[in-house]
Amino acid sequence: MATGKPPATFIADLRPSRLATFEASVASVEEIREISLRDGRNQRVRNARLKDATGEIALVLWGKEVDLVREGDRIRIIEGWVKDYQGRPQVSLGRVGKLERI
């Protein structure tokens, strides 16, 4: 019996080099900072920590995305890109991902 709901994915299930859709709470948000890109342009970036009942993962927001979340928000990441950064998984919206507040 199909419910039309995507299968539940939790932070503990996330693996690098894969797209992921999941829900989590924003545990913390760092200050926005500006970094220089290889092409000489500057880009705003912000890190946050997401958590659910199974664990935590870093979220990296770029450009206009930096204003999308606040500490305490409940969010859904849709087709976010999970990658390994310095030995730990992190998620970003990548090219196709979306972020919704719920």
PDB file of N, CA and C in Angstrom:
ATOM      1  N   MET A   1       0.841  -1.173   0.000  1.00  0.00           N
ATOM      2  CA  MET A   1       0.000   0.000   0.000  1.00  0.00           C
ATOM      3  C   MET A   1       0.890   1.242   0.000  1.00  0.00           C
ATOM      4  N   ALA A   2       0.906   1.989  -1.073  1.00  0.00           N
ATOM      5  CA  ALA A   2       1.753   3.171  -1.203  1.00  0.00           C
ATOM      6  C   ALA A   2       1.102   4.364  -0.526  1.00  0.00           C
ATOM      7  N   THR A   3       1.879   5.106   0.222  1.00  0.00           N
ATOM      8  CA  THR A   3       1.361   6.281   0.921  1.00  0.00           C
ATOM      9  C   THR A   3       1.739   7.569   0.211  1.00  0.00           C
ATOM     10  N   GLY A   4       2.609   7.485  -0.795  1.00  0.00           N
ATOM     11  CA  GLY A   4       3.055   8.680  -1.490  1.00  0.00           C
ATOM     12  C   GLY A   4       4.148   9.432  -0.761  1.00  0.00           C
ATOM     13  N   LYS A   5       4.539   8.940   0.402  1.00  0.00           N
ATOM     14  CA  LYS A   5       5.585   9.570   1.194  1.00  0.00           C
ATOM     15  C   LYS A   5       6.920   8.923   0.879  1.00  0.00           C
ATOM     16  N   PRO A   6       7.999   9.705   0.748  1.00  0.00           N
ATOM     17  CA  PRO A   6       9.307   9.089   0.487  1.00  0.00           C
ATOM     18  C   PRO A   6       9.737   8.251   1.684  1.00  0.00           C
ATOM     19  N   PRO A   7      10.578   7.260   1.452  1.00  0.00           N
ATOM     20  CA  PRO A   7      11.052   6.455   2.578  1.00  0.00           C
ATOM     21  C   PRO A   7      11.822   7.335   3.563  1.00  0.00           C
ATOM     22  N   ALA A   8      11.699   7.022   4.835  1.00  0.00           N
ATOM     23  CA  ALA A   8      12.374   7.806   5.866  1.00  0.00           C
ATOM     24  C   ALA A   8      13.877   7.562   5.807  1.00  0.00           C
ATOM     25  N   THR A   9      14.629   8.635   5.753  1.00  0.00           N
ATOM     26  CA  THR A   9      16.085   8.557   5.812  1.00  0.00           C
ATOM     27  C   THR A   9      16.515   9.359   7.027  1.00  0.00           C
ATOM     28  N   PHE A  10      17.483   8.816   7.744  1.00  0.00           N
ATOM     29  CA  PHE A  10      17.972   9.478   8.939  1.00  0.00           C
ATOM     30  C   PHE A  10      19.437   9.839   8.761  1.00  0.00           C
ATOM     31  N   ILE A  11      19.941  10.754   9.588  1.00  0.00           N
ATOM     32  CA  ILE A  11      21.332  11.194   9.479  1.00  0.00           C
ATOM     33  C   ILE A  11      22.284  10.009   9.558  1.00  0.00           C
ATOM     34  N   ALA A  12      22.007   9.031  10.402  1.00  0.00           N
ATOM     35  CA  ALA A  12      22.893   7.867  10.516  1.00  0.00           C
ATOM     36  C   ALA A  12      22.971   7.066   9.211  1.00  0.00           C
ATOM     37  N   ASP A  13      21.980   7.226   8.321  1.00  0.00           N
ATOM     38  CA  ASP A  13      21.945   6.495   7.052  1.00  0.00           C
ATOM     39  C   ASP A  13      22.743   7.192   5.946  1.00  0.00           C
ATOM     40  N   LEU A  14      23.134   8.444   6.144  1.00  0.00           N
ATOM     41  CA  LEU A  14      23.757   9.228   5.070  1.00  0.00           C
ATOM     42  C   LEU A  14      25.161   8.724   4.761  1.00  0.00           C
ATOM     43  N   ARG A  15      25.456   8.630   3.481  1.00  0.00           N
ATOM     44  CA  ARG A  15      26.759   8.157   3.015  1.00  0.00           C
ATOM     45  C   ARG A  15      27.328   9.133   1.988  1.00  0.00           C
ATOM     46  N   PRO A  16      28.658   9.360   2.019  1.00  0.00           N
ATOM     47  CA  PRO A  16      29.280  10.277   1.049  1.00  0.00           C
ATOM     48  C   PRO A  16      29.036   9.851  -0.399  1.00  0.00           C
ATOM     49  N   SER A  17      29.072  10.840  -1.276  1.00  0.00           N
ATOM     50  CA  SER A  17      28.908  10.682  -2.728  1.00  0.00           C
ATOM     51  C   SER A  17      27.515  10.203  -3.112  1.00  0.00           C
ATOM     52  N   ARG A  18      26.535  10.612  -2.346  1.00  0.00           N
ATOM     53  CA  ARG A  18      25.145  10.263  -2.650  1.00  0.00           C
ATOM     54  C   ARG A  18      24.239  11.457  -2.387  1.00  0.00           C
ATOM     55  N   LEU A  19      23.123  11.506  -3.103  1.00  0.00           N
ATOM     56  CA  LEU A  19      22.081  12.482  -2.813  1.00  0.00           C
ATOM     57  C   LEU A  19      21.245  11.954  -1.657  1.00  0.00           C
ATOM     58  N   ALA A  20      20.702  12.862  -0.840  1.00  0.00           N
ATOM     59  CA  ALA A  20      19.916  12.438   0.312  1.00  0.00           C
ATOM     60  C   ALA A  20      18.756  13.398   0.552  1.00  0.00           C
ATOM     61  N   THR A  21      17.617  12.834   0.929  1.00  0.00           N
ATOM     62  CA  THR A  21      16.455  13.607   1.359  1.00  0.00           C
ATOM     63  C   THR A  21      16.144  13.177   2.785  1.00  0.00           C
ATOM     64  N   PHE A  22      16.134  14.153   3.705  1.00  0.00           N
ATOM     65  CA  PHE A  22      15.912  13.832   5.118  1.00  0.00           C
ATOM     66  C   PHE A  22      15.442  15.072   5.854  1.00  0.00           C
ATOM     67  N   GLU A  23      14.922  14.855   7.063  1.00  0.00           N
ATOM     68  CA  GLU A  23      14.487  15.948   7.929  1.00  0.00           C
ATOM     69  C   GLU A  23      15.365  15.993   9.170  1.00  0.00           C
ATOM     70  N   ALA A  24      15.596  17.201   9.676  1.00  0.00           N
ATOM     71  CA  ALA A  24      16.442  17.362  10.860  1.00  0.00           C
ATOM     72  C   ALA A  24      16.154  18.709  11.511  1.00  0.00           C
ATOM     73  N   SER A  25      16.680  18.886  12.708  1.00  0.00           N
ATOM     74  CA  SER A  25      16.620  20.168  13.406  1.00  0.00           C
ATOM     75  C   SER A  25      17.977  20.844  13.281  1.00  0.00           C
ATOM     76  N   VAL A  26      17.956  22.175  13.245  1.00  0.00           N
ATOM     77  CA  VAL A  26      19.197  22.943  13.188  1.00  0.00           C
ATOM     78  C   VAL A  26      19.691  23.126  14.616  1.00  0.00           C
ATOM     79  N   ALA A  27      20.765  22.403  14.972  1.00  0.00           N
ATOM     80  CA  ALA A  27      21.300  22.431  16.332  1.00  0.00           C
ATOM     81  C   ALA A  27      22.099  23.703  16.598  1.00  0.00           C
ATOM     82  N   SER A  28      22.852  24.167  15.595  1.00  0.00           N
ATOM     83  CA  SER A  28      23.653  25.378  15.750  1.00  0.00           C
ATOM     84  C   SER A  28      23.953  25.966  14.382  1.00  0.00           C
ATOM     85  N   VAL A  29      24.226  27.269  14.375  1.00  0.00           N
ATOM     86  CA  VAL A  29      24.540  27.990  13.141  1.00  0.00           C
ATOM     87  C   VAL A  29      25.745  28.878  13.423  1.00  0.00           C
ATOM     88  N   GLU A  30      26.758  28.784  12.576  1.00  0.00           N
ATOM     89  CA  GLU A  30      27.941  29.636  12.737  1.00  0.00           C
ATOM     90  C   GLU A  30      27.719  30.979  12.043  1.00  0.00           C
ATOM     91  N   GLU A  31      28.625  31.911  12.295  1.00  0.00           N
ATOM     92  CA  GLU A  31      28.573  33.218  11.648  1.00  0.00           C
ATOM     93  C   GLU A  31      28.813  33.067  10.143  1.00  0.00           C
ATOM     94  N   ILE A  32      28.222  33.972   9.378  1.00  0.00           N
ATOM     95  CA  ILE A  32      28.487  34.025   7.932  1.00  0.00           C
ATOM     96  C   ILE A  32      29.902  34.552   7.739  1.00  0.00           C
ATOM     97  N   ARG A  33      30.648  33.919   6.836  1.00  0.00           N
ATOM     98  CA  ARG A  33      31.984  34.420   6.522  1.00  0.00           C
ATOM     99  C   ARG A  33      32.126  34.498   5.004  1.00  0.00           C
ATOM    100  N   GLU A  34      33.136  35.218   4.576  1.00  0.00           N
ATOM    101  CA  GLU A  34      33.371  35.374   3.146  1.00  0.00           C
ATOM    102  C   GLU A  34      34.687  34.705   2.791  1.00  0.00           C
ATOM    103  N   ILE A  35      34.674  33.925   1.722  1.00  0.00           N
ATOM    104  CA  ILE A  35      35.895  33.265   1.281  1.00  0.00           C
ATOM    105  C   ILE A  35      36.180  33.656  -0.164  1.00  0.00           C
ATOM    106  N   SER A  36      37.439  33.571  -0.533  1.00  0.00           N
ATOM    107  CA  SER A  36      37.840  33.841  -1.913  1.00  0.00           C
ATOM    108  C   SER A  36      37.817  32.544  -2.705  1.00  0.00           C
ATOM    109  N   LEU A  37      37.158  32.582  -3.848  1.00  0.00           N
ATOM    110  CA  LEU A  37      37.111  31.419  -4.733  1.00  0.00           C
ATOM    111  C   LEU A  37      38.318  31.418  -5.657  1.00  0.00           C
ATOM    112  N   ARG A  38      38.558  30.285  -6.285  1.00  0.00           N
ATOM    113  CA  ARG A  38      39.718  30.168  -7.203  1.00  0.00           C
ATOM    114  C   ARG A  38      39.682  31.189  -8.333  1.00  0.00           C
ATOM    115  N   ASP A  39      38.464  31.566  -8.762  1.00  0.00           N
ATOM    116  CA  ASP A  39      38.359  32.520  -9.880  1.00  0.00           C
ATOM    117  C   ASP A  39      38.478  33.978  -9.426  1.00  0.00           C
ATOM    118  N   GLY A  40      38.776  34.185  -8.135  1.00  0.00           N
ATOM    119  CA  GLY A  40      38.985  35.534  -7.632  1.00  0.00           C
ATOM    120  C   GLY A  40      37.748  36.177  -7.027  1.00  0.00           C
ATOM    121  N   ARG A  41      36.575  35.599  -7.262  1.00  0.00           N
ATOM    122  CA  ARG A  41      35.349  36.158  -6.672  1.00  0.00           C
ATOM    123  C   ARG A  41      35.268  35.782  -5.199  1.00  0.00           C
ATOM    124  N   ASN A  42      34.505  36.580  -4.450  1.00  0.00           N
ATOM    125  CA  ASN A  42      34.236  36.262  -3.053  1.00  0.00           C
ATOM    126  C   ASN A  42      32.865  35.618  -2.946  1.00  0.00           C
ATOM    127  N   GLN A  43      32.706  34.711  -1.994  1.00  0.00           N
ATOM    128  CA  GLN A  43      31.448  34.003  -1.802  1.00  0.00           C
ATOM    129  C   GLN A  43      31.147  33.926  -0.312  1.00  0.00           C
ATOM    130  N   ARG A  44      29.883  34.160   0.054  1.00  0.00           N
ATOM    131  CA  ARG A  44      29.479  34.000   1.448  1.00  0.00           C
ATOM    132  C   ARG A  44      29.259  32.520   1.728  1.00  0.00           C
ATOM    133  N   VAL A  45      29.657  32.087   2.928  1.00  0.00           N
ATOM    134  CA  VAL A  45      29.492  30.687   3.321  1.00  0.00           C
ATOM    135  C   VAL A  45      29.155  30.643   4.810  1.00  0.00           C
ATOM    136  N   ARG A  46      28.378  29.636   5.190  1.00  0.00           N
ATOM    137  CA  ARG A  46      28.003  29.475   6.597  1.00  0.00           C
ATOM    138  C   ARG A  46      27.874  27.983   6.890  1.00  0.00           C
ATOM    139  N   ASN A  47      28.385  27.573   8.034  1.00  0.00           N
ATOM    140  CA  ASN A  47      28.252  26.187   8.483  1.00  0.00           C
ATOM    141  C   ASN A  47      27.165  26.109   9.540  1.00  0.00           C
ATOM    142  N   ALA A  48      26.495  24.964   9.574  1.00  0.00           N
ATOM    143  CA  ALA A  48      25.497  24.687  10.607  1.00  0.00           C
ATOM    144  C   ALA A  48      25.606  23.213  10.972  1.00  0.00           C
ATOM    145  N   ARG A  49      25.024  22.841  12.109  1.00  0.00           N
ATOM    146  CA  ARG A  49      24.953  21.438  12.533  1.00  0.00           C
ATOM    147  C   ARG A  49      23.493  21.037  12.528  1.00  0.00           C
ATOM    148  N   LEU A  50      23.217  19.916  11.864  1.00  0.00           N
ATOM    149  CA  LEU A  50      21.876  19.345  11.845  1.00  0.00           C
ATOM    150  C   LEU A  50      21.861  18.123  12.739  1.00  0.00           C
ATOM    151  N   LYS A  51      20.715  17.866  13.383  1.00  0.00           N
ATOM    152  CA  LYS A  51      20.629  16.667  14.212  1.00  0.00           C
ATOM    153  C   LYS A  51      19.239  16.055  14.085  1.00  0.00           C
ATOM    154  N   ASP A  52      19.213  14.741  14.281  1.00  0.00           N
ATOM    155  CA  ASP A  52      17.964  14.008  14.446  1.00  0.00           C
ATOM    156  C   ASP A  52      18.206  12.964  15.530  1.00  0.00           C
ATOM    157  N   ALA A  53      17.285  12.049  15.705  1.00  0.00           N
ATOM    158  CA  ALA A  53      17.408  11.067  16.786  1.00  0.00           C
ATOM    159  C   ALA A  53      18.588  10.123  16.592  1.00  0.00           C
ATOM    160  N   THR A  54      19.142  10.049  15.358  1.00  0.00           N
ATOM    161  CA  THR A  54      20.209   9.089  15.074  1.00  0.00           C
ATOM    162  C   THR A  54      21.601   9.697  15.041  1.00  0.00           C
ATOM    163  N   GLY A  55      21.727  11.031  15.035  1.00  0.00           N
ATOM    164  CA  GLY A  55      23.059  11.632  14.992  1.00  0.00           C
ATOM    165  C   GLY A  55      23.049  13.069  14.524  1.00  0.00           C
ATOM    166  N   GLU A  56      24.254  13.555  14.169  1.00  0.00           N
ATOM    167  CA  GLU A  56      24.444  14.925  13.696  1.00  0.00           C
ATOM    168  C   GLU A  56      25.276  14.914  12.427  1.00  0.00           C
ATOM    169  N   ILE A  57      25.102  15.969  11.610  1.00  0.00           N
ATOM    170  CA  ILE A  57      25.905  16.133  10.404  1.00  0.00           C
ATOM    171  C   ILE A  57      26.091  17.624  10.159  1.00  0.00           C
ATOM    172  N   ALA A  58      27.220  17.989   9.554  1.00  0.00           N
ATOM    173  CA  ALA A  58      27.478  19.384   9.194  1.00  0.00           C
ATOM    174  C   ALA A  58      26.677  19.733   7.936  1.00  0.00           C
ATOM    175  N   LEU A  59      26.165  20.957   7.903  1.00  0.00           N
ATOM    176  CA  LEU A  59      25.498  21.513   6.729  1.00  0.00           C
ATOM    177  C   LEU A  59      26.297  22.722   6.292  1.00  0.00           C
ATOM    178  N   VAL A  60      26.604  22.816   5.000  1.00  0.00           N
ATOM    179  CA  VAL A  60      27.324  23.972   4.464  1.00  0.00           C
ATOM    180  C   VAL A  60      26.395  24.706   3.513  1.00  0.00           C
ATOM    181  N   LEU A  61      26.223  25.998   3.758  1.00  0.00           N
ATOM    182  CA  LEU A  61      25.357  26.843   2.933  1.00  0.00           C
ATOM    183  C   LEU A  61      26.210  27.868   2.197  1.00  0.00           C
ATOM    184  N   TRP A  62      25.920  28.060   0.916  1.00  0.00           N
ATOM    185  CA  TRP A  62      26.698  28.943   0.049  1.00  0.00           C
ATOM    186  C   TRP A  62      25.830  30.061  -0.515  1.00  0.00           C
ATOM    187  N   GLY A  63      26.427  31.263  -0.689  1.00  0.00           N
ATOM    188  CA  GLY A  63      25.750  32.371  -1.372  1.00  0.00           C
ATOM    189  C   GLY A  63      24.437  32.738  -0.704  1.00  0.00           C
ATOM    190  N   LYS A  64      23.356  32.788  -1.500  1.00  0.00           N
ATOM    191  CA  LYS A  64      22.038  33.174  -0.987  1.00  0.00           C
ATOM    192  C   LYS A  64      21.498  32.179   0.041  1.00  0.00           C
ATOM    193  N   GLU A  65      22.022  30.969   0.053  1.00  0.00           N
ATOM    194  CA  GLU A  65      21.554  29.939   0.985  1.00  0.00           C
ATOM    195  C   GLU A  65      21.844  30.286   2.448  1.00  0.00           C
ATOM    196  N   VAL A  66      22.843  31.164   2.713  1.00  0.00           N
ATOM    197  CA  VAL A  66      23.288  31.405   4.091  1.00  0.00           C
ATOM    198  C   VAL A  66      22.188  31.956   4.990  1.00  0.00           C
ATOM    199  N   ASP A  67      21.165  32.556   4.400  1.00  0.00           N
ATOM    200  CA  ASP A  67      20.083  33.153   5.185  1.00  0.00           C
ATOM    201  C   ASP A  67      18.889  32.219   5.358  1.00  0.00           C
ATOM    202  N   LEU A  68      18.992  30.973   4.918  1.00  0.00           N
ATOM    203  CA  LEU A  68      17.842  30.069   4.916  1.00  0.00           C
ATOM    204  C   LEU A  68      17.515  29.440   6.263  1.00  0.00           C
ATOM    205  N   VAL A  69      18.475  29.337   7.180  1.00  0.00           N
ATOM    206  CA  VAL A  69      18.203  28.630   8.437  1.00  0.00           C
ATOM    207  C   VAL A  69      18.604  29.446   9.662  1.00  0.00           C
ATOM    208  N   ARG A  70      17.905  29.130  10.758  1.00  0.00           N
ATOM    209  CA  ARG A  70      18.228  29.695  12.062  1.00  0.00           C
ATOM    210  C   ARG A  70      18.276  28.550  13.055  1.00  0.00           C
ATOM    211  N   GLU A  71      19.022  28.722  14.110  1.00  0.00           N
ATOM    212  CA  GLU A  71      19.085  27.710  15.157  1.00  0.00           C
ATOM    213  C   GLU A  71      17.678  27.407  15.659  1.00  0.00           C
ATOM    214  N   GLY A  72      17.376  26.117  15.801  1.00  0.00           N
ATOM    215  CA  GLY A  72      16.069  25.694  16.263  1.00  0.00           C
ATOM    216  C   GLY A  72      15.076  25.374  15.156  1.00  0.00           C
ATOM    217  N   ASP A  73      15.378  25.784  13.917  1.00  0.00           N
ATOM    218  CA  ASP A  73      14.488  25.468  12.791  1.00  0.00           C
ATOM    219  C   ASP A  73      14.393  23.964  12.582  1.00  0.00           C
ATOM    220  N   ARG A  74      13.252  23.506  12.125  1.00  0.00           N
ATOM    221  CA  ARG A  74      13.077  22.123  11.669  1.00  0.00           C
ATOM    222  C   ARG A  74      13.041  22.219  10.145  1.00  0.00           C
ATOM    223  N   ILE A  75      13.928  21.471   9.481  1.00  0.00           N
ATOM    224  CA  ILE A  75      14.054  21.605   8.028  1.00  0.00           C
ATOM    225  C   ILE A  75      14.008  20.243   7.332  1.00  0.00           C
ATOM    226  N   ARG A  76      13.744  20.304   6.034  1.00  0.00           N
ATOM    227  CA  ARG A  76      13.826  19.134   5.169  1.00  0.00           C
ATOM    228  C   ARG A  76      14.833  19.471   4.070  1.00  0.00           C
ATOM    229  N   ILE A  77      15.843  18.627   3.911  1.00  0.00           N
ATOM    230  CA  ILE A  77      16.797  18.739   2.809  1.00  0.00           C
ATOM    231  C   ILE A  77      16.295  17.782   1.728  1.00  0.00           C
ATOM    232  N   ILE A  78      16.122  18.283   0.521  1.00  0.00           N
ATOM    233  CA  ILE A  78      15.654  17.458  -0.591  1.00  0.00           C
ATOM    234  C   ILE A  78      16.786  17.342  -1.608  1.00  0.00           C
ATOM    235  N   GLU A  79      17.248  16.135  -1.823  1.00  0.00           N
ATOM    236  CA  GLU A  79      18.339  15.835  -2.748  1.00  0.00           C
ATOM    237  C   GLU A  79      19.595  16.652  -2.458  1.00  0.00           C
ATOM    238  N   GLY A  80      19.946  16.730  -1.169  1.00  0.00           N
ATOM    239  CA  GLY A  80      21.202  17.359  -0.779  1.00  0.00           C
ATOM    240  C   GLY A  80      22.358  16.430  -1.129  1.00  0.00           C
ATOM    241  N   TRP A  81      23.534  17.003  -1.333  1.00  0.00           N
ATOM    242  CA  TRP A  81      24.718  16.228  -1.703  1.00  0.00           C
ATOM    243  C   TRP A  81      25.545  15.957  -0.451  1.00  0.00           C
ATOM    244  N   VAL A  82      25.778  14.694  -0.172  1.00  0.00           N
ATOM    245  CA  VAL A  82      26.586  14.292   0.983  1.00  0.00           C
ATOM    246  C   VAL A  82      28.003  14.032   0.498  1.00  0.00           C
ATOM    247  N   LYS A  83      28.978  14.625   1.174  1.00  0.00           N
ATOM    248  CA  LYS A  83      30.370  14.364   0.815  1.00  0.00           C
ATOM    249  C   LYS A  83      31.196  14.170   2.071  1.00  0.00           C
ATOM    250  N   ASP A  84      32.367  13.630   1.875  1.00  0.00           N
ATOM    251  CA  ASP A  84      33.307  13.428   2.961  1.00  0.00           C
ATOM    252  C   ASP A  84      34.217  14.651   2.991  1.00  0.00           C
ATOM    253  N   TYR A  85      34.276  15.348   4.118  1.00  0.00           N
ATOM    254  CA  TYR A  85      35.151  16.506   4.260  1.00  0.00           C
ATOM    255  C   TYR A  85      36.013  16.294   5.491  1.00  0.00           C
ATOM    256  N   GLN A  86      37.305  16.159   5.286  1.00  0.00           N
ATOM    257  CA  GLN A  86      38.271  15.932   6.362  1.00  0.00           C
ATOM    258  C   GLN A  86      37.854  14.751   7.240  1.00  0.00           C
ATOM    259  N   GLY A  87      37.403  13.678   6.578  1.00  0.00           N
ATOM    260  CA  GLY A  87      37.072  12.450   7.279  1.00  0.00           C
ATOM    261  C   GLY A  87      35.696  12.407   7.919  1.00  0.00           C
ATOM    262  N   ARG A  88      34.904  13.450   7.723  1.00  0.00           N
ATOM    263  CA  ARG A  88      33.553  13.476   8.306  1.00  0.00           C
ATOM    264  C   ARG A  88      32.536  13.802   7.211  1.00  0.00           C
ATOM    265  N   PRO A  89      31.345  13.204   7.302  1.00  0.00           N
ATOM    266  CA  PRO A  89      30.333  13.532   6.293  1.00  0.00           C
ATOM    267  C   PRO A  89      29.767  14.932   6.517  1.00  0.00           C
ATOM    268  N   GLN A  90      29.458  15.592   5.415  1.00  0.00           N
ATOM    269  CA  GLN A  90      28.758  16.869   5.484  1.00  0.00           C
ATOM    270  C   GLN A  90      27.803  16.935   4.310  1.00  0.00           C
ATOM    271  N   VAL A  91      26.791  17.763   4.416  1.00  0.00           N
ATOM    272  CA  VAL A  91      25.787  17.885   3.363  1.00  0.00           C
ATOM    273  C   VAL A  91      25.711  19.339   2.913  1.00  0.00           C
ATOM    274  N   SER A  92      25.491  19.507   1.601  1.00  0.00           N
ATOM    275  CA  SER A  92      25.233  20.827   1.028  1.00  0.00           C
ATOM    276  C   SER A  92      24.094  20.661   0.032  1.00  0.00           C
ATOM    277  N   LEU A  93      23.575  21.769  -0.462  1.00  0.00           N
ATOM    278  CA  LEU A  93      22.483  21.673  -1.420  1.00  0.00           C
ATOM    279  C   LEU A  93      22.987  21.322  -2.817  1.00  0.00           C
ATOM    280  N   GLY A  94      24.282  21.491  -3.060  1.00  0.00           N
ATOM    281  CA  GLY A  94      24.840  21.126  -4.361  1.00  0.00           C
ATOM    282  C   GLY A  94      24.128  21.817  -5.502  1.00  0.00           C
ATOM    283  N   ARG A  95      24.056  21.168  -6.654  1.00  0.00           N
ATOM    284  CA  ARG A  95      23.447  21.779  -7.824  1.00  0.00           C
ATOM    285  C   ARG A  95      21.917  21.647  -7.852  1.00  0.00           C
ATOM    286  N   VAL A  96      21.388  20.565  -7.264  1.00  0.00           N
ATOM    287  CA  VAL A  96      19.955  20.285  -7.418  1.00  0.00           C
ATOM    288  C   VAL A  96      19.186  20.301  -6.109  1.00  0.00           C
ATOM    289  N   GLY A  97      19.869  20.410  -4.979  1.00  0.00           N
ATOM    290  CA  GLY A  97      19.208  20.290  -3.684  1.00  0.00           C
ATOM    291  C   GLY A  97      18.328  21.473  -3.337  1.00  0.00           C
ATOM    292  N   LYS A  98      17.380  21.214  -2.446  1.00  0.00           N
ATOM    293  CA  LYS A  98      16.483  22.258  -1.938  1.00  0.00           C
ATOM    294  C   LYS A  98      16.413  22.136  -0.423  1.00  0.00           C
ATOM    295  N   LEU A  99      16.084  23.242   0.212  1.00  0.00           N
ATOM    296  CA  LEU A  99      15.926  23.268   1.661  1.00  0.00           C
ATOM    297  C   LEU A  99      14.553  23.886   1.958  1.00  0.00           C
ATOM    298  N   GLU A 100      13.765  23.200   2.782  1.00  0.00           N
ATOM    299  CA  GLU A 100      12.450  23.705   3.179  1.00  0.00           C
ATOM    300  C   GLU A 100      12.379  23.756   4.700  1.00  0.00           C
ATOM    301  N   ARG A 101      11.753  24.812   5.229  1.00  0.00           N
ATOM    302  CA  ARG A 101      11.445  24.834   6.656  1.00  0.00           C
ATOM    303  C   ARG A 101      10.134  24.094   6.848  1.00  0.00           C
ATOM    304  N   ILE A 102      10.053  23.285   7.909  1.00  0.00           N
ATOM    305  CA  ILE A 102       8.809  22.542   8.163  1.00  0.00           C
ATOM    306  C   ILE A 102       8.302  22.818   9.573  1.00  0.00           C
TER     307      ILE A 102
END
